[in-house]
Amino acid sequence: MTQINSPCVRNCCLNEQDVCLGCFRSLEEIKRWGRSDTSSQQKTQILLNATSRQHNNKIKA
C-alpha cells in the first residue's frame, strides 16, 4: 500500500468557505485526512478536489 503524504504546507488560514488558503482543502477534508479509516482512494480524491479549487480560483482569499 502506497502512503499518500498530506498536502499541508503549514500555512493554515481558512477563508469564509472553510477552505485552507495554504493547501486548498476544506475543513472537512482536513479532518478526514487524519482519520485512520481514510483510504488512499479517498485521499487521492481530496487531493484532486484541492487541486481543482486552486486552479479554478473558486475560493476567495
Protein backbone atom coordinates (compact mmCIF):
# COMPACT_ATOMS: atom_id res chain seq x y z
CA MET A 1 0.00 0.00 0.00
CA THR A 2 1.40 3.39 -1.01
CA GLN A 3 1.41 6.14 1.58
CA ILE A 4 -0.02 9.45 0.39
CA ASN A 5 1.59 12.43 2.10
CA SER A 6 -0.50 15.27 3.40
CA PRO A 7 -0.59 18.35 1.16
CA CYS A 8 -0.36 20.56 4.27
CA VAL A 9 2.18 23.39 3.83
CA ARG A 10 1.90 24.58 7.45
CA ASN A 11 0.28 27.83 6.34
CA CYS A 12 -3.23 27.23 7.65
CA CYS A 13 -5.73 30.01 7.21
CA LEU A 14 -9.37 29.28 6.45
CA ASN A 15 -11.44 31.59 4.28
CA GLU A 16 -15.16 32.20 4.76
CA GLN A 17 -15.97 28.96 2.89
CA ASP A 18 -13.78 26.99 5.36
CA VAL A 19 -11.15 26.26 2.71
CA CYS A 20 -7.49 26.42 3.72
CA LEU A 21 -5.57 29.04 1.75
CA GLY A 22 -2.37 27.01 2.15
CA CYS A 23 -3.40 23.59 0.80
CA PHE A 24 -6.89 24.34 -0.61
CA ARG A 25 -8.56 21.51 1.31
CA SER A 26 -11.89 22.11 3.00
CA LEU A 27 -12.07 21.90 6.78
CA GLU A 28 -13.95 18.60 6.47
CA GLU A 29 -11.26 17.21 4.15
CA ILE A 30 -8.52 18.26 6.58
CA LYS A 31 -10.31 16.49 9.44
CA ARG A 32 -10.97 13.39 7.34
CA TRP A 33 -7.32 13.14 6.21
CA GLY A 34 -6.04 12.26 9.68
CA ARG A 35 -8.58 9.53 10.37
CA SER A 36 -7.18 6.02 10.34
CA ASP A 37 -10.09 4.73 8.22
CA THR A 38 -9.50 7.16 5.35
CA SER A 39 -8.41 5.11 2.32
CA SER A 40 -5.78 6.00 -0.26
CA GLN A 41 -8.58 6.38 -2.80
CA GLN A 42 -10.34 8.92 -0.58
CA LYS A 43 -7.08 10.83 -0.04
CA THR A 44 -6.49 10.89 -3.78
CA GLN A 45 -9.97 12.38 -4.27
CA ILE A 46 -9.25 15.00 -1.60
CA LEU A 47 -6.06 15.95 -3.46
CA LEU A 48 -7.96 16.22 -6.75
CA ASN A 49 -10.60 18.43 -5.12
CA ALA A 50 -7.93 20.70 -3.64
CA THR A 51 -6.04 20.95 -6.92
CA SER A 52 -9.26 21.83 -8.73
CA ARG A 53 -10.04 24.59 -6.21
CA GLN A 54 -6.56 26.00 -6.58
CA HIS A 55 -6.55 26.00 -10.39
CA ASN A 56 -10.09 27.26 -10.82
CA ASN A 57 -9.77 30.01 -8.22
CA LYS A 58 -13.11 29.01 -6.73
CA ILE A 59 -12.08 30.40 -3.37
CA LYS A 60 -11.86 33.95 -2.13
CA ALA A 61 -8.86 34.90 -0.03
